[in-house]
Protein backbone atom coordinates (compact mmCIF):
# COMPACT_ATOMS: atom_id res chain seq x y z
CA MET A 1 0.00 0.00 0.00
CA VAL A 2 2.82 2.35 0.90
CA GLY A 3 4.54 1.45 -2.35
CA LYS A 4 1.45 2.42 -4.36
CA ARG A 5 1.20 5.77 -2.58
CA ILE A 6 4.87 6.43 -3.38
CA GLU A 7 4.24 5.51 -7.01
CA ARG A 8 1.28 7.92 -7.20
CA CYS A 9 3.35 10.72 -5.64
CA LEU A 10 6.19 10.12 -8.07
CA LEU A 11 3.73 10.12 -10.98
CA THR A 12 2.21 13.42 -9.79
CA ILE A 13 5.66 15.00 -9.51
CA LEU A 14 6.67 13.77 -12.97
CA LEU A 15 3.47 15.15 -14.52
CA ALA A 16 3.97 18.52 -12.83
CA VAL A 17 7.54 18.72 -14.12
CA ALA A 18 6.44 17.72 -17.61
CA CYS A 19 3.67 20.32 -17.68
CA SER A 20 5.93 23.10 -16.41
CA SER A 21 8.58 22.29 -19.01
CA CYS A 22 5.99 22.39 -21.79
CA ALA A 23 4.31 25.62 -20.65
CA ASP A 24 6.61 27.82 -22.70
CA LEU A 25 5.72 25.87 -25.85
CA PHE A 26 2.13 27.15 -25.80
CA ASP A 27 0.85 30.67 -26.40
CA VAL A 28 -2.52 32.32 -26.67
CA HIS A 29 -3.82 32.22 -30.23
CA PRO A 30 -3.11 35.58 -31.93
CA TYR A 31 -6.80 36.01 -32.75
CA ALA A 32 -8.13 35.04 -29.35
CA VAL A 33 -10.07 38.02 -27.99
CA ASP A 34 -8.46 37.64 -24.59
CA PHE A 35 -6.36 40.27 -22.86
CA ASP A 36 -5.79 41.72 -19.43
CA GLY A 37 -6.26 45.39 -18.78
CA GLU A 38 -8.68 48.21 -19.45
CA THR A 39 -11.81 47.85 -21.55
CA ASN A 40 -14.10 50.53 -23.03
CA VAL A 41 -11.11 52.85 -23.30
CA ASN A 42 -12.87 55.41 -25.52
CA LEU A 43 -15.71 55.86 -23.04
CA HIS A 44 -13.36 56.50 -20.12
CA GLN A 45 -11.06 58.76 -22.13
CA ALA A 46 -13.99 60.74 -23.58
CA GLU A 47 -15.23 61.40 -20.06
CA LEU A 48 -11.80 62.84 -19.20
CA ILE A 49 -11.83 65.00 -22.32
CA GLU A 50 -15.28 66.38 -21.53
CA ARG A 51 -14.33 67.12 -17.93
CA ASN A 52 -10.95 68.69 -18.76
CA CYS A 53 -12.31 70.83 -21.59
CA LEU A 54 -15.64 71.82 -20.05
CA ASP A 55 -15.06 75.59 -19.98
CA LYS A 56 -12.40 75.89 -22.69
CA ASP A 57 -12.99 78.10 -25.71
CA THR A 58 -9.67 77.16 -27.31
CA LEU A 59 -8.78 73.52 -28.00
CA ARG A 60 -5.50 72.00 -29.15
CA VAL A 61 -6.03 68.54 -30.61
CA ALA A 62 -3.36 66.17 -31.94
CA VAL A 63 -4.62 63.88 -34.71
CA PHE A 64 -2.60 60.94 -36.04
CA SER A 65 -3.35 57.64 -37.72
CA ASP A 66 -2.11 54.31 -39.11
CA THR A 67 0.40 53.40 -36.41
CA GLN A 68 0.15 49.69 -37.26
CA GLY A 69 3.51 47.98 -36.77
CA HIS A 70 5.27 51.30 -36.15
CA TYR A 71 5.94 50.93 -32.45
CA ASP A 72 9.13 53.00 -32.22
CA GLU A 73 7.56 55.82 -34.20
CA LEU A 74 4.47 55.75 -31.99
CA GLU A 75 6.62 55.95 -28.87
CA ASP A 76 8.37 59.01 -30.29
CA LEU A 77 5.03 60.57 -31.24
CA VAL A 78 3.77 60.11 -27.69
CA LYS A 79 6.94 61.74 -26.36
CA ASP A 80 6.53 64.69 -28.74
CA ILE A 81 2.93 65.29 -27.65
CA ASN A 82 3.88 65.02 -23.98
CA ASN A 83 6.82 67.36 -24.38
CA ARG A 84 4.61 70.09 -25.83
CA GLY A 85 2.60 70.31 -22.65
CA ASN A 86 -0.23 72.38 -24.16
CA ILE A 87 -2.28 69.77 -26.05
CA ASP A 88 -5.75 69.02 -24.68
CA PHE A 89 -6.33 65.58 -26.17
CA ALA A 90 -5.47 63.27 -29.05
CA VAL A 91 -7.44 61.39 -31.69
CA HIS A 92 -6.03 58.22 -33.26
CA GLY A 93 -7.56 57.88 -36.71
CA GLY A 94 -7.53 54.08 -36.84
CA ASP A 95 -5.39 51.10 -37.81
CA VAL A 96 -3.67 50.39 -34.53
CA SER A 97 -3.22 46.87 -35.89
CA ASN A 98 -1.90 45.42 -39.11
CA TYR A 99 -3.58 42.02 -39.01
CA GLY A 100 -6.28 42.42 -36.37
CA ALA A 101 -4.22 40.38 -33.88
CA THR A 102 -4.98 40.94 -30.22
CA ARG A 103 -1.30 41.34 -29.31
CA GLU A 104 -1.05 44.30 -31.70
CA PHE A 105 -3.95 46.04 -29.97
CA VAL A 106 -2.42 45.40 -26.55
CA GLN A 107 1.05 46.66 -27.52
CA GLN A 108 -0.32 49.80 -29.16
CA HIS A 109 -2.65 50.49 -26.25
CA ASP A 110 0.26 50.18 -23.82
CA ILE A 111 2.17 52.87 -25.73
CA LEU A 112 -0.84 55.16 -26.17
CA ASP A 113 -1.50 54.91 -22.45
CA ARG A 114 1.78 56.77 -21.83
CA LEU A 115 0.18 59.93 -23.21
CA ASP A 116 -0.19 62.66 -20.62
CA VAL A 117 -3.45 63.70 -22.29
CA PRO A 118 -6.68 61.77 -22.91
CA TYR A 119 -7.08 60.04 -26.27
CA VAL A 120 -9.66 58.14 -28.30
CA VAL A 121 -9.14 55.59 -31.09
CA VAL A 122 -11.27 55.41 -34.24
CA LEU A 123 -11.83 52.05 -35.96
CA GLY A 124 -9.57 51.40 -38.98
CA ASN A 125 -9.99 48.87 -41.78
CA HIS A 126 -7.01 46.77 -40.64
CA ASP A 127 -8.55 46.69 -37.17
CA CYS A 128 -11.44 44.75 -38.73
CA LEU A 129 -9.29 41.84 -39.92
CA GLY A 130 -9.48 38.44 -38.21
CA THR A 131 -11.15 38.96 -34.84
CA GLY A 132 -9.90 42.54 -34.69
CA ILE A 133 -13.37 44.05 -34.67
CA GLU A 134 -14.26 42.00 -31.57
CA THR A 135 -11.01 43.05 -29.89
CA TYR A 136 -11.64 46.69 -30.81
CA HIS A 137 -15.16 46.57 -29.35
CA LYS A 138 -13.89 44.99 -26.13
CA MET A 139 -10.86 47.25 -25.73
CA PHE A 140 -12.11 50.58 -27.10
CA GLY A 141 -15.90 50.25 -27.32
CA PRO A 142 -18.48 50.97 -30.06
CA SER A 143 -17.19 51.84 -33.52
CA ASN A 144 -19.41 54.95 -33.61
CA PHE A 145 -19.21 57.34 -30.67
CA SER A 146 -19.03 61.02 -29.79
CA PHE A 147 -17.96 63.45 -27.09
CA ILE A 148 -18.11 67.18 -26.49
CA ALA A 149 -15.00 69.26 -25.78
CA GLY A 150 -15.81 72.81 -24.79
CA ARG A 151 -18.74 73.48 -27.08
CA VAL A 152 -17.41 71.42 -29.98
CA LYS A 153 -18.91 68.00 -30.67
CA PHE A 154 -16.52 65.37 -32.03
CA VAL A 155 -18.40 62.65 -33.91
CA CYS A 156 -16.26 59.55 -34.52
CA LEU A 157 -17.47 57.23 -37.27
CA ASN A 158 -16.86 53.80 -38.74
CA THR A 159 -16.49 54.38 -42.50
CA ASN A 160 -14.84 51.04 -43.40
CA ALA A 161 -17.71 49.83 -45.60
CA LEU A 162 -15.57 47.49 -47.70
CA GLU A 163 -14.69 45.42 -44.63
CA TYR A 164 -18.43 44.72 -44.23
CA ASP A 165 -18.93 43.94 -47.96
CA PHE A 166 -21.05 47.11 -48.25
CA THR A 167 -23.95 45.20 -46.66
CA ASP A 168 -24.01 46.85 -43.21
CA PRO A 169 -25.17 50.48 -42.82
CA ILE A 170 -21.74 52.10 -42.93
CA PRO A 171 -21.67 55.04 -42.47
CA ASP A 172 -24.51 54.61 -39.99
CA PHE A 173 -27.15 57.26 -40.78
CA ASP A 174 -29.29 56.26 -37.80
CA PHE A 175 -26.35 57.00 -35.53
CA LEU A 176 -25.81 60.37 -37.23
CA ASN A 177 -29.47 61.25 -36.84
CA THR A 178 -29.36 60.37 -33.14
CA GLU A 179 -26.18 62.39 -32.62
CA LEU A 180 -27.66 65.39 -34.38
CA GLN A 181 -30.38 65.59 -31.76
CA ALA A 182 -28.42 64.46 -28.70
CA ASP A 183 -27.08 67.18 -26.36
CA ALA A 184 -28.04 69.86 -28.88
CA SER A 185 -27.87 72.60 -26.25
CA ARG A 186 -24.29 71.69 -25.30
CA TYR A 187 -22.51 72.33 -28.59
CA ASP A 188 -22.37 74.93 -31.36
CA ARG A 189 -19.76 73.42 -33.69
CA THR A 190 -18.90 69.96 -35.00
CA VAL A 191 -15.84 67.95 -36.06
CA PHE A 192 -16.13 64.53 -37.70
CA CYS A 193 -13.38 61.91 -37.28
CA MET A 194 -13.12 58.73 -39.37
CA HIS A 195 -10.56 56.38 -40.84
CA ALA A 196 -11.51 55.94 -44.50
CA PRO A 197 -12.23 59.24 -46.27
CA PRO A 198 -14.70 59.62 -49.14
CA LEU A 199 -13.55 58.64 -52.65
CA CYS A 200 -11.25 55.87 -51.38
CA GLU A 201 -11.99 52.16 -51.94
CA GLN A 202 -13.08 51.58 -48.32
CA PHE A 203 -15.78 54.26 -48.29
CA ASN A 204 -19.27 53.55 -49.63
CA ASN A 205 -19.19 56.30 -52.23
CA GLU A 206 -22.69 55.40 -53.39
CA VAL A 207 -24.02 57.22 -50.34
CA LEU A 208 -21.55 60.11 -50.33
CA GLN A 209 -24.18 62.71 -51.25
CA ALA A 210 -26.52 61.53 -48.51
CA PHE A 211 -23.63 61.32 -46.04
CA HIS A 212 -22.64 64.93 -46.66
CA HIS A 213 -26.25 66.02 -46.42
CA TYR A 214 -26.36 64.55 -42.89
CA LEU A 215 -23.05 66.18 -41.97
CA SER A 216 -24.29 69.56 -43.18
CA LEU A 217 -27.23 69.36 -40.76
CA PHE A 218 -24.90 69.53 -37.76
CA PRO A 219 -24.23 73.02 -36.38
CA GLY A 220 -21.04 74.82 -37.35
CA VAL A 221 -19.20 72.03 -39.16
CA LEU A 222 -15.51 72.89 -38.86
CA PHE A 223 -13.74 70.00 -40.64
CA CYS A 224 -13.37 66.22 -40.92
CA THR A 225 -10.30 64.12 -40.14
CA ALA A 226 -9.32 60.82 -41.75
CA GLY A 227 -6.37 58.49 -42.27
CA HIS A 228 -5.97 55.34 -44.37
CA LEU A 229 -4.15 56.92 -47.34
CA HIS A 230 -0.71 56.90 -45.67
CA LYS A 231 -0.07 60.44 -46.83
CA ASN A 232 -1.10 63.95 -45.92
CA ASP A 233 -3.96 65.41 -47.90
CA CYS A 234 -6.57 68.11 -47.67
CA PHE A 235 -9.61 68.16 -49.94
CA SER A 236 -13.34 68.79 -50.25
CA PRO A 237 -14.85 65.82 -52.14
CA LEU A 238 -18.12 67.56 -53.05
CA ASP A 239 -16.86 71.13 -53.06
CA ASP A 240 -19.55 71.89 -50.50
CA GLY A 241 -17.37 73.56 -47.89
CA ILE A 242 -16.77 70.38 -45.87
CA THR A 243 -13.01 69.87 -45.77
CA TYR A 244 -11.16 66.65 -44.96
CA TYR A 245 -7.69 66.61 -43.43
CA VAL A 246 -6.00 63.26 -44.01
CA THR A 247 -3.21 62.37 -41.59
CA ASP A 248 -0.11 60.47 -42.65
CA SER A 249 0.99 57.04 -41.42
CA ALA A 250 3.22 56.96 -38.34
CA ASN A 251 6.30 55.68 -40.18
CA HIS A 252 6.51 59.09 -41.88
CA ARG A 253 6.77 60.69 -38.44
CA ASN A 254 4.25 63.50 -38.55
CA TYR A 255 0.80 64.38 -37.28
CA ILE A 256 -1.66 67.28 -37.46
CA LEU A 257 -2.15 69.67 -34.58
CA PHE A 258 -5.50 71.49 -34.74
CA THR A 259 -6.04 74.68 -32.77
CA ILE A 260 -9.75 75.48 -32.51
CA THR A 261 -10.65 78.98 -31.35
CA PRO A 262 -13.93 80.90 -31.18
CA ASN A 263 -13.04 82.43 -34.55
CA GLY A 264 -12.21 79.23 -36.43
CA TYR A 265 -9.28 76.82 -36.50
CA GLU A 266 -5.74 76.29 -37.70
CA ALA A 267 -4.15 73.03 -38.87
CA GLU A 268 -0.40 72.60 -38.43
CA ASN A 269 1.63 69.63 -39.67
CA ILE A 270 4.04 68.55 -36.94
CA HIS A 271 7.17 66.53 -37.76
CA TYR A 272 8.92 64.65 -34.99
């Protein structure tokens, strides 16, 4: 009897050793939507933005995009924003990931979290690959959201229609209609932020006229921001006074700094 107990103990020890030696051979699947840390980042960060900017009539907003795979450049961008010390918040225009892998989201979030200012992240088309959309929703929240800084409403939109085979309502007009009416007394001007700009392959250009009609209903439209093109650009697709500022990809080491005042705004390209 004693001999059998010894045998069982030895077997247990051997199994424990075997399992511990094999542990390093296994890793979480890259598309498993499983990570430790903060969720609903955009909601929490937007609350900070609203609180910090409640009585401000001048806003300084850093807008950048397409940081996928460019970790060193993103770290330097964060340092540049922090060193300036006078920026109110930042908007990431989408594509924090290259392949929609959870590890990419986690690594980029860890760097973005070193910002001294609040930030939000818009959904990019690469963020929709694999299980990226599920990871984005868990980490950052809904793909359409808004917040109010001072008396300026920032409406952040999912415009990656191609990733949904043009079958889902993207852009979401119901969301725009709701946002038009929500908190109407709290804002006088509007900025729209998205990843894919009109006229590119991702955008549903069949609804561009209707989309711009909805945008024009918002009070005091200042401008729109976008990314995706991996270059700087500024254009008005319908020549209707609604201007898009496209931010470059992070590997080119620049971003746009918007200064919004009661009299208008300025857009400055910052190289770092």
